[in-house]
Amino acid sequence: MSVAFVPKRHRGKAQINQETIQRLLDENDQLVRCITEYMQKGRAMECVQYQQILHRNIVYLGTIADASHTWLQPQTSPPMERHQH
């Protein structure tokens, strides 16, 4: 099971930090390697579970990135008017 997904009783208690993100990236690297190995051996059906975990991890990382991007964006100010010379 992916490091990003914990039992319901623990959800909301985990902190998202650089270490968690790095663990997910490392796990994704391992998943890609496993998927590649199975595909090369012609065992595509065995890849499905790894592909599902990889997909879930990528969506989760994307959600984190979107949330942090929103947090980090400065308040937008109205566009400056151009003066003609």
N, C-alpha and C. Protein backbone atom coordinates (compact mmCIF):
# COMPACT_ATOMS: atom_id res chain seq x y z
N MET A 1 0.84 -1.19 0.00
CA MET A 1 0.00 0.00 0.00
C MET A 1 0.88 1.24 0.00
N SER A 2 0.44 2.23 -0.65
CA SER A 2 1.20 3.47 -0.80
C SER A 2 1.39 4.18 0.53
N VAL A 3 2.53 4.85 0.66
CA VAL A 3 2.80 5.59 1.88
C VAL A 3 1.86 6.78 2.03
N ALA A 4 1.21 7.18 0.96
CA ALA A 4 0.33 8.35 1.01
C ALA A 4 -1.04 8.01 1.58
N PHE A 5 -1.36 6.75 1.66
CA PHE A 5 -2.69 6.38 2.07
C PHE A 5 -2.63 5.59 3.36
N VAL A 6 -3.27 6.14 4.36
CA VAL A 6 -3.23 5.58 5.70
C VAL A 6 -4.65 5.18 6.10
N PRO A 7 -4.78 4.37 7.14
CA PRO A 7 -6.12 3.99 7.59
C PRO A 7 -6.96 5.22 7.94
N LYS A 8 -8.28 5.08 7.82
CA LYS A 8 -9.19 6.21 8.06
C LYS A 8 -8.99 6.84 9.43
N ARG A 9 -8.69 6.04 10.44
CA ARG A 9 -8.55 6.59 11.79
C ARG A 9 -7.35 7.53 11.92
N HIS A 10 -6.40 7.43 11.00
CA HIS A 10 -5.21 8.27 11.04
C HIS A 10 -5.24 9.40 10.02
N ARG A 11 -6.26 9.40 9.17
CA ARG A 11 -6.33 10.43 8.13
C ARG A 11 -6.51 11.80 8.75
N GLY A 12 -5.91 12.78 8.11
CA GLY A 12 -5.99 14.15 8.60
C GLY A 12 -4.95 14.45 9.66
N LYS A 13 -4.26 13.43 10.16
CA LYS A 13 -3.26 13.62 11.19
C LYS A 13 -1.85 13.66 10.62
N ALA A 14 -1.70 13.14 9.41
CA ALA A 14 -0.38 13.11 8.78
C ALA A 14 -0.05 14.50 8.24
N GLN A 15 1.18 14.88 8.42
CA GLN A 15 1.63 16.16 7.90
C GLN A 15 2.29 15.95 6.55
N ILE A 16 1.98 16.85 5.65
CA ILE A 16 2.61 16.80 4.34
C ILE A 16 3.87 17.66 4.43
N ASN A 17 5.00 17.01 4.30
CA ASN A 17 6.26 17.74 4.35
C ASN A 17 7.18 17.20 3.26
N GLN A 18 8.35 17.76 3.17
CA GLN A 18 9.29 17.36 2.13
C GLN A 18 9.65 15.88 2.22
N GLU A 19 9.74 15.35 3.42
CA GLU A 19 10.08 13.94 3.60
C GLU A 19 8.99 13.04 3.03
N THR A 20 7.72 13.38 3.28
CA THR A 20 6.60 12.60 2.77
C THR A 20 6.59 12.64 1.24
N ILE A 21 6.80 13.81 0.69
CA ILE A 21 6.82 13.97 -0.76
C ILE A 21 7.96 13.16 -1.36
N GLN A 22 9.13 13.21 -0.74
CA GLN A 22 10.27 12.45 -1.25
C GLN A 22 10.01 10.95 -1.19
N ARG A 23 9.36 10.49 -0.12
CA ARG A 23 9.03 9.06 -0.02
C ARG A 23 8.09 8.64 -1.14
N LEU A 24 7.13 9.52 -1.46
CA LEU A 24 6.22 9.23 -2.57
C LEU A 24 6.96 9.18 -3.90
N LEU A 25 7.86 10.12 -4.10
CA LEU A 25 8.64 10.13 -5.34
C LEU A 25 9.51 8.87 -5.45
N ASP A 26 10.11 8.47 -4.34
CA ASP A 26 10.92 7.24 -4.33
C ASP A 26 10.04 6.02 -4.62
N GLU A 27 8.86 5.99 -4.00
CA GLU A 27 7.94 4.88 -4.24
C GLU A 27 7.51 4.85 -5.70
N ASN A 28 7.24 6.01 -6.28
CA ASN A 28 6.85 6.07 -7.68
C ASN A 28 7.96 5.55 -8.57
N ASP A 29 9.20 5.89 -8.25
CA ASP A 29 10.34 5.39 -9.01
C ASP A 29 10.37 3.86 -8.97
N GLN A 30 10.16 3.30 -7.81
CA GLN A 30 10.16 1.84 -7.66
C GLN A 30 8.99 1.21 -8.42
N LEU A 31 7.83 1.86 -8.35
CA LEU A 31 6.66 1.34 -9.07
C LEU A 31 6.91 1.33 -10.58
N VAL A 32 7.50 2.39 -11.10
CA VAL A 32 7.80 2.46 -12.54
C VAL A 32 8.77 1.35 -12.92
N ARG A 33 9.75 1.10 -12.08
CA ARG A 33 10.71 0.02 -12.35
C ARG A 33 10.02 -1.34 -12.38
N CYS A 34 9.12 -1.58 -11.43
CA CYS A 34 8.39 -2.86 -11.38
C CYS A 34 7.49 -3.01 -12.61
N ILE A 35 6.78 -1.94 -12.95
CA ILE A 35 5.90 -1.97 -14.12
C ILE A 35 6.70 -2.27 -15.38
N THR A 36 7.83 -1.60 -15.52
CA THR A 36 8.69 -1.81 -16.70
C THR A 36 9.18 -3.25 -16.76
N GLU A 37 9.60 -3.77 -15.63
CA GLU A 37 10.10 -5.15 -15.59
C GLU A 37 9.02 -6.15 -15.99
N TYR A 38 7.83 -5.98 -15.42
CA TYR A 38 6.73 -6.88 -15.77
C TYR A 38 6.35 -6.76 -17.25
N MET A 39 6.33 -5.56 -17.77
CA MET A 39 5.98 -5.35 -19.18
C MET A 39 7.01 -6.02 -20.09
N GLN A 40 8.29 -5.90 -19.74
CA GLN A 40 9.34 -6.52 -20.55
C GLN A 40 9.22 -8.05 -20.55
N LYS A 41 8.67 -8.59 -19.47
CA LYS A 41 8.50 -10.04 -19.37
C LYS A 41 7.17 -10.49 -19.96
N GLY A 42 6.41 -9.55 -20.52
CA GLY A 42 5.13 -9.90 -21.13
C GLY A 42 4.04 -10.20 -20.12
N ARG A 43 4.16 -9.66 -18.93
CA ARG A 43 3.21 -9.93 -17.85
C ARG A 43 2.41 -8.66 -17.54
N ALA A 44 1.77 -8.14 -18.56
CA ALA A 44 1.06 -6.85 -18.44
C ALA A 44 -0.04 -6.88 -17.39
N MET A 45 -0.74 -7.99 -17.27
CA MET A 45 -1.85 -8.07 -16.31
C MET A 45 -1.38 -7.88 -14.86
N GLU A 46 -0.16 -8.29 -14.57
CA GLU A 46 0.36 -8.13 -13.22
C GLU A 46 0.74 -6.68 -12.91
N CYS A 47 0.80 -5.85 -13.94
CA CYS A 47 1.16 -4.44 -13.77
C CYS A 47 0.00 -3.60 -13.24
N VAL A 48 -1.20 -4.07 -13.43
CA VAL A 48 -2.39 -3.25 -13.15
C VAL A 48 -2.39 -2.70 -11.73
N GLN A 49 -2.12 -3.52 -10.75
CA GLN A 49 -2.16 -3.04 -9.36
C GLN A 49 -1.10 -1.96 -9.12
N TYR A 50 0.07 -2.13 -9.72
CA TYR A 50 1.13 -1.13 -9.57
C TYR A 50 0.79 0.16 -10.31
N GLN A 51 0.16 0.02 -11.46
CA GLN A 51 -0.26 1.20 -12.21
C GLN A 51 -1.32 1.99 -11.44
N GLN A 52 -2.21 1.29 -10.76
CA GLN A 52 -3.24 1.97 -9.98
C GLN A 52 -2.63 2.74 -8.81
N ILE A 53 -1.68 2.15 -8.13
CA ILE A 53 -1.00 2.83 -7.02
C ILE A 53 -0.22 4.02 -7.54
N LEU A 54 0.49 3.83 -8.66
CA LEU A 54 1.25 4.92 -9.26
C LEU A 54 0.32 6.08 -9.64
N HIS A 55 -0.80 5.76 -10.26
CA HIS A 55 -1.77 6.79 -10.64
C HIS A 55 -2.27 7.54 -9.42
N ARG A 56 -2.61 6.81 -8.37
CA ARG A 56 -3.12 7.43 -7.14
C ARG A 56 -2.06 8.34 -6.53
N ASN A 57 -0.81 7.89 -6.52
CA ASN A 57 0.27 8.72 -5.98
C ASN A 57 0.45 10.00 -6.79
N ILE A 58 0.40 9.87 -8.11
CA ILE A 58 0.60 11.04 -8.96
C ILE A 58 -0.53 12.04 -8.77
N VAL A 59 -1.75 11.55 -8.69
CA VAL A 59 -2.90 12.45 -8.45
C VAL A 59 -2.73 13.13 -7.09
N TYR A 60 -2.32 12.38 -6.08
CA TYR A 60 -2.12 12.94 -4.74
C TYR A 60 -1.03 14.02 -4.77
N LEU A 61 0.08 13.74 -5.42
CA LEU A 61 1.16 14.73 -5.53
C LEU A 61 0.69 15.97 -6.29
N GLY A 62 -0.11 15.77 -7.32
CA GLY A 62 -0.66 16.90 -8.06
C GLY A 62 -1.57 17.75 -7.20
N THR A 63 -2.36 17.11 -6.36
CA THR A 63 -3.23 17.83 -5.44
C THR A 63 -2.42 18.66 -4.45
N ILE A 64 -1.35 18.07 -3.95
CA ILE A 64 -0.46 18.80 -3.03
C ILE A 64 0.16 19.99 -3.75
N ALA A 65 0.62 19.77 -4.98
CA ALA A 65 1.24 20.86 -5.74
C ALA A 65 0.25 21.99 -6.01
N ASP A 66 -0.97 21.63 -6.38
CA ASP A 66 -1.99 22.66 -6.62
C ASP A 66 -2.28 23.45 -5.35
N ALA A 67 -2.40 22.75 -4.23
CA ALA A 67 -2.70 23.42 -2.97
C ALA A 67 -1.56 24.33 -2.54
N SER A 68 -0.32 23.87 -2.70
CA SER A 68 0.81 24.70 -2.29
C SER A 68 1.00 25.87 -3.24
N HIS A 69 0.68 25.67 -4.51
CA HIS A 69 0.78 26.75 -5.49
C HIS A 69 -0.20 27.87 -5.13
N THR A 70 -1.40 27.50 -4.74
CA THR A 70 -2.41 28.48 -4.35
C THR A 70 -1.96 29.23 -3.11
N TRP A 71 -1.37 28.52 -2.17
CA TRP A 71 -0.91 29.14 -0.93
C TRP A 71 0.23 30.12 -1.18
N LEU A 72 1.10 29.79 -2.12
CA LEU A 72 2.31 30.57 -2.34
C LEU A 72 2.11 31.75 -3.28
N GLN A 73 1.01 31.78 -4.00
CA GLN A 73 0.80 32.86 -4.94
C GLN A 73 0.51 34.15 -4.19
N PRO A 74 1.20 35.23 -4.55
CA PRO A 74 0.90 36.52 -3.93
C PRO A 74 -0.46 37.02 -4.41
N GLN A 75 -1.04 37.88 -3.63
CA GLN A 75 -2.30 38.49 -4.04
C GLN A 75 -2.06 39.24 -5.33
N THR A 76 -2.93 39.06 -6.28
CA THR A 76 -2.75 39.74 -7.55
C THR A 76 -3.28 41.16 -7.44
N SER A 77 -2.56 42.06 -8.02
CA SER A 77 -2.99 43.45 -8.04
C SER A 77 -3.55 43.76 -9.43
N PRO A 78 -4.35 44.78 -9.53
CA PRO A 78 -4.90 45.10 -10.84
C PRO A 78 -3.79 45.42 -11.82
N PRO A 79 -4.01 45.14 -13.10
CA PRO A 79 -2.97 45.42 -14.09
C PRO A 79 -2.64 46.91 -14.14
N MET A 80 -1.37 47.17 -14.37
CA MET A 80 -0.92 48.58 -14.44
C MET A 80 -1.35 49.16 -15.77
N GLU A 81 -1.75 50.41 -15.72
CA GLU A 81 -2.13 51.09 -16.96
C GLU A 81 -0.88 51.56 -17.67
N ARG A 82 -0.90 51.43 -18.96
CA ARG A 82 0.24 51.90 -19.76
C ARG A 82 0.00 53.35 -20.12
N HIS A 83 1.03 54.12 -19.98
CA HIS A 83 0.96 55.54 -20.36
C HIS A 83 1.52 55.68 -21.76
N GLN A 84 0.80 56.42 -22.59
CA GLN A 84 1.29 56.66 -23.93
C GLN A 84 2.19 57.88 -23.92
N HIS A 85 3.26 57.82 -24.65
CA HIS A 85 4.22 58.94 -24.71
C HIS A 85 4.05 59.73 -25.96
